[in-house]
Amino acid sequence: MAPVHSPKQNLLLAALPEDCYQRVLPGLELVALPLGRVMYESGGRLEYLYFPTSGILSMLYVTHNGASSEIAITGNEGLLGISLFMGGESTTNRAVVQCACHAYRMSTSVLKREFALGGAFQHMALRYTQALITQMAQTSVCNRHHSLDQQLCRWLLLSIDRLAGADLLMTQELIANMLGVRREGVTEAAGQLQQAGLISYSRGRIRVLDRPGLEKRVCECYAVVKNEYDRLLSKGLPKGA
């Protein structure tokens, strides 16, 4: 059977009041996003806001010599393209599909119409942006002050939070690119996690075997990010929004 898709599989869209949801619904278009697709490049002009319903989209900063480092990820809890409603309409980072997924895209004309109303849609978009900024800041702190072992645990937990299962299709080379480190370091860190019985890794597939064990091993950065998302997004809209 073909999968059933609904915009409400995205938690931001699902949290909108019904009148607001029905107003934006005609302006949402379902698109398939294959693994590795580049959603936008640094400096490129954005045309759509994307609301993933599954999978993971990764935001990366890429240096002039081609080195990259992940600054944030998003999945069905959020959206991609905040610069469209923050006034920039372009961005300094690259976004790629880390895990194949589907998303609903919204044109800039629909987005600007909703933002001009100053209601529920605007409120949720800005709350999500605050949570995303927290993730970016915490990623920077983590990469500077915590061990690669802890960084890998954070990355694994944030990733599986956005997936239906506990499996990730990801080579060690790609993980190294995401974390901005050498592949050998990821090999060593992944080996330590596998030896501890926390994950299994084979032929580009990582399976989390012991999530509580990862949560005990990870630094505080994971909890900071998760708690901020929960605080800003899980309680829905205040009365009158």
Protein backbone atom coordinates (compact mmCIF):
# COMPACT_ATOMS: atom_id res chain seq x y z
CA MET A 1 0.00 0.00 0.00
CA ALA A 2 1.16 3.52 -0.80
CA PRO A 3 1.88 5.62 2.27
CA VAL A 4 -0.79 8.11 3.32
CA HIS A 5 0.51 11.67 3.51
CA SER A 6 -0.97 14.54 5.49
CA PRO A 7 0.35 18.03 6.29
CA LYS A 8 -0.52 17.32 9.93
CA GLN A 9 2.34 14.81 10.04
CA ASN A 10 4.40 17.98 10.48
CA LEU A 11 4.05 19.04 14.10
CA LEU A 12 4.06 22.78 13.38
CA LEU A 13 1.22 22.51 10.88
CA ALA A 14 -0.65 20.14 13.19
CA ALA A 15 -0.45 22.71 16.02
CA LEU A 16 -2.17 25.46 14.02
CA PRO A 17 -5.77 26.34 14.91
CA GLU A 18 -8.18 24.76 12.44
CA ASP A 19 -9.17 28.04 10.76
CA CYS A 20 -5.52 28.92 10.14
CA TYR A 21 -4.73 25.38 8.97
CA GLN A 22 -7.62 25.40 6.48
CA ARG A 23 -6.48 28.77 5.16
CA VAL A 24 -2.92 27.59 4.37
CA LEU A 25 -3.90 24.07 3.24
CA PRO A 26 -4.56 24.98 -0.44
CA GLY A 27 -1.09 26.54 -0.60
CA LEU A 28 0.74 23.37 0.49
CA GLU A 29 2.28 21.06 -2.11
CA LEU A 30 3.61 17.57 -1.30
CA VAL A 31 7.13 16.88 -2.64
CA ALA A 32 9.50 13.92 -2.34
CA LEU A 33 13.02 14.76 -1.15
CA PRO A 34 15.59 12.08 -2.07
CA LEU A 35 18.75 11.45 -0.05
CA GLY A 36 21.48 13.95 -0.87
CA ARG A 37 19.30 16.54 -2.57
CA VAL A 38 20.63 20.06 -2.07
CA MET A 39 17.72 22.22 -0.94
CA TYR A 40 19.66 25.45 -1.26
CA GLU A 41 23.23 26.70 -1.46
CA SER A 42 24.90 29.52 0.42
CA GLY A 43 23.80 32.84 -1.03
CA GLY A 44 21.03 31.27 -3.10
CA ARG A 45 17.56 32.79 -3.16
CA LEU A 46 14.87 30.71 -1.48
CA GLU A 47 11.52 30.20 -3.20
CA TYR A 48 9.70 27.88 -0.80
CA LEU A 49 9.25 27.15 2.88
CA TYR A 50 9.42 23.39 3.55
CA PHE A 51 7.56 21.47 6.26
CA PRO A 52 9.05 17.93 6.47
CA THR A 53 6.71 15.12 7.48
CA SER A 54 9.51 12.55 7.86
CA GLY A 55 13.28 12.19 7.47
CA ILE A 56 15.98 14.74 8.26
CA LEU A 57 17.18 17.93 6.57
CA SER A 58 20.65 19.11 7.51
CA MET A 59 21.94 22.69 7.53
CA LEU A 60 25.67 22.95 6.93
CA TYR A 61 28.26 25.68 6.80
CA VAL A 62 30.73 25.10 3.97
CA THR A 63 34.11 26.85 3.89
CA HIS A 64 35.85 28.12 0.75
CA ASN A 65 38.09 25.04 0.66
CA GLY A 66 35.09 22.69 0.74
CA ALA A 67 35.20 21.63 4.40
CA SER A 68 31.79 21.45 6.03
CA SER A 69 30.21 21.27 9.47
CA GLU A 70 26.58 20.75 10.43
CA ILE A 71 25.01 23.63 12.33
CA ALA A 72 21.48 22.24 12.79
CA ILE A 73 18.98 19.62 11.65
CA THR A 74 15.24 19.66 11.24
CA GLY A 75 12.53 17.07 10.68
CA ASN A 76 8.80 16.77 11.22
CA GLU A 77 9.05 19.03 14.29
CA GLY A 78 9.98 22.06 12.22
CA LEU A 79 10.52 23.76 8.90
CA LEU A 80 13.27 24.78 6.49
CA GLY A 81 13.71 28.30 5.15
CA ILE A 82 13.46 30.70 8.10
CA SER A 83 15.21 33.46 6.14
CA LEU A 84 12.05 33.81 4.02
CA PHE A 85 10.12 35.24 6.98
CA MET A 86 13.06 36.78 8.83
CA GLY A 87 13.61 39.28 6.02
CA GLY A 88 16.72 37.92 4.31
CA GLU A 89 15.34 35.64 1.55
CA SER A 90 18.81 34.08 1.23
CA THR A 91 21.17 32.37 3.65
CA THR A 92 24.87 31.79 4.27
CA ASN A 93 24.57 28.03 4.71
CA ARG A 94 23.73 24.96 2.62
CA ALA A 95 20.82 22.61 3.28
CA VAL A 96 20.80 18.98 2.16
CA VAL A 97 18.55 15.96 2.65
CA GLN A 98 20.26 13.75 5.22
CA CYS A 99 17.52 11.08 5.30
CA ALA A 100 15.10 10.78 2.38
CA CYS A 101 11.68 12.15 3.18
CA HIS A 102 8.56 13.94 2.07
CA ALA A 103 7.69 17.53 2.81
CA TYR A 104 4.99 20.07 2.08
CA ARG A 105 6.26 23.25 0.52
CA MET A 106 4.67 26.67 0.75
CA SER A 107 5.27 29.49 -1.72
CA THR A 108 6.56 32.85 -0.58
CA SER A 109 3.26 34.51 -1.54
CA VAL A 110 1.25 32.31 0.84
CA LEU A 111 3.90 32.71 3.55
CA LYS A 112 3.90 36.51 3.31
CA ARG A 113 0.11 36.61 3.39
CA GLU A 114 0.01 34.58 6.60
CA PHE A 115 2.79 36.54 8.25
CA ALA A 116 1.05 39.81 7.46
CA LEU A 117 -1.93 38.63 9.51
CA GLY A 118 0.29 38.45 12.61
CA GLY A 119 -1.59 35.49 14.08
CA ALA A 120 -1.06 31.82 14.87
CA PHE A 121 1.15 30.98 11.90
CA GLN A 122 3.55 33.83 12.65
CA HIS A 123 3.63 32.91 16.33
CA MET A 124 4.54 29.25 15.68
CA ALA A 125 7.15 30.13 13.03
CA LEU A 126 8.91 32.52 15.38
CA ARG A 127 8.80 30.03 18.26
CA TYR A 128 10.40 27.43 16.03
CA THR A 129 13.07 29.93 14.97
CA GLN A 130 13.99 30.54 18.62
CA ALA A 131 14.34 26.78 19.16
CA LEU A 132 16.47 26.47 16.02
CA ILE A 133 18.78 29.27 17.18
CA THR A 134 19.23 27.38 20.46
CA GLN A 135 20.23 24.26 18.54
CA MET A 136 22.75 26.21 16.43
CA ALA A 137 24.30 27.87 19.48
CA GLN A 138 24.51 24.61 21.41
CA THR A 139 26.07 22.81 18.44
CA SER A 140 28.81 25.44 18.36
CA VAL A 141 29.46 25.03 22.09
CA CYS A 142 29.45 21.23 21.82
CA ASN A 143 31.90 21.16 18.91
CA ARG A 144 34.28 23.41 20.81
CA HIS A 145 34.16 21.99 24.34
CA HIS A 146 33.03 18.36 24.27
CA SER A 147 34.64 15.12 23.17
CA LEU A 148 33.94 13.56 19.77
CA ASP A 149 32.34 10.64 21.61
CA GLN A 150 29.83 13.04 23.21
CA GLN A 151 29.28 14.92 19.93
CA LEU A 152 28.46 11.64 18.17
CA CYS A 153 26.00 10.69 20.92
CA ARG A 154 24.29 14.10 20.59
CA TRP A 155 24.09 13.76 16.83
CA LEU A 156 22.66 10.24 17.03
CA LEU A 157 20.01 11.19 19.59
CA LEU A 158 18.90 14.32 17.73
CA SER A 159 18.71 12.28 14.51
CA ILE A 160 16.63 9.37 15.81
CA ASP A 161 14.31 11.83 17.57
CA ARG A 162 13.23 12.83 14.05
CA LEU A 163 12.83 9.31 12.66
CA ALA A 164 10.19 6.63 13.12
CA GLY A 165 12.73 3.95 14.03
CA ALA A 166 16.20 3.57 15.50
CA ASP A 167 18.12 3.02 12.24
CA LEU A 168 20.22 5.54 10.33
CA LEU A 169 21.66 5.04 6.84
CA MET A 170 24.85 7.02 7.11
CA THR A 171 28.50 6.31 6.29
CA GLN A 172 31.25 7.32 8.69
CA GLU A 173 32.59 9.70 6.05
CA LEU A 174 29.28 11.55 5.92
CA ILE A 175 29.10 11.69 9.72
CA ALA A 176 32.60 13.15 9.76
CA ASN A 177 31.49 15.81 7.28
CA MET A 178 28.48 16.63 9.45
CA LEU A 179 30.56 16.97 12.60
CA GLY A 180 33.45 18.70 10.84
CA VAL A 181 36.05 16.15 12.00
CA ARG A 182 38.33 13.53 10.47
CA ARG A 183 36.84 10.19 9.44
CA GLU A 184 39.33 8.34 11.64
CA GLY A 185 37.95 10.10 14.70
CA VAL A 186 34.39 9.02 13.87
CA THR A 187 35.59 5.45 13.30
CA GLU A 188 37.16 5.39 16.75
CA ALA A 189 34.17 7.01 18.49
CA ALA A 190 31.65 4.75 16.74
CA GLY A 191 33.78 1.73 17.65
CA GLN A 192 33.70 2.71 21.32
CA LEU A 193 29.91 3.08 21.25
CA GLN A 194 29.56 -0.27 19.52
CA GLN A 195 31.89 -1.96 22.00
CA ALA A 196 29.78 -0.54 24.84
CA GLY A 197 26.69 -2.13 23.28
CA LEU A 198 25.01 1.21 22.58
CA ILE A 199 24.91 0.97 18.78
CA SER A 200 25.59 -1.50 15.98
CA TYR A 201 27.24 -0.36 12.78
CA SER A 202 27.55 -2.25 9.51
CA ARG A 203 27.74 -1.21 5.85
CA GLY A 204 26.56 2.31 6.39
CA ARG A 205 23.68 1.40 8.70
CA ILE A 206 23.71 2.54 12.32
CA ARG A 207 21.19 1.06 14.73
CA VAL A 208 20.72 2.51 18.20
CA LEU A 209 20.51 -0.46 20.58
CA ASP A 210 20.50 1.32 23.93
CA ARG A 211 19.00 4.79 23.89
CA PRO A 212 19.11 5.25 27.71
CA GLY A 213 22.80 4.33 27.54
CA LEU A 214 23.41 7.04 24.91
CA GLU A 215 21.53 9.56 27.05
CA LYS A 216 23.79 8.77 30.01
CA ARG A 217 26.90 9.15 27.88
CA VAL A 218 25.97 12.33 26.00
CA CYS A 219 26.92 15.83 27.19
CA GLU A 220 24.32 18.33 28.43
CA CYS A 221 23.94 19.83 24.94
CA TYR A 222 21.35 17.27 23.86
CA ALA A 223 19.07 17.98 26.83
CA VAL A 224 19.40 21.75 26.39
CA VAL A 225 18.23 21.52 22.78
CA LYS A 226 15.46 19.00 23.44
CA ASN A 227 14.09 20.86 26.45
CA GLU A 228 13.97 24.13 24.52
CA TYR A 229 12.08 22.51 21.64
CA ASP A 230 9.65 20.95 24.11
CA ARG A 231 9.18 24.24 25.95
CA LEU A 232 8.56 26.30 22.84
CA LEU A 233 6.68 23.87 20.62
CA SER A 234 5.02 21.10 22.62
CA LYS A 235 2.60 23.33 24.50
CA GLY A 236 0.97 24.71 21.38
CA LEU A 237 -0.32 28.24 21.05
CA PRO A 238 -1.29 30.55 23.88
CA LYS A 239 -4.91 31.64 24.15
CA GLY A 240 -5.79 34.37 21.72
CA ALA A 241 -3.01 33.57 19.23
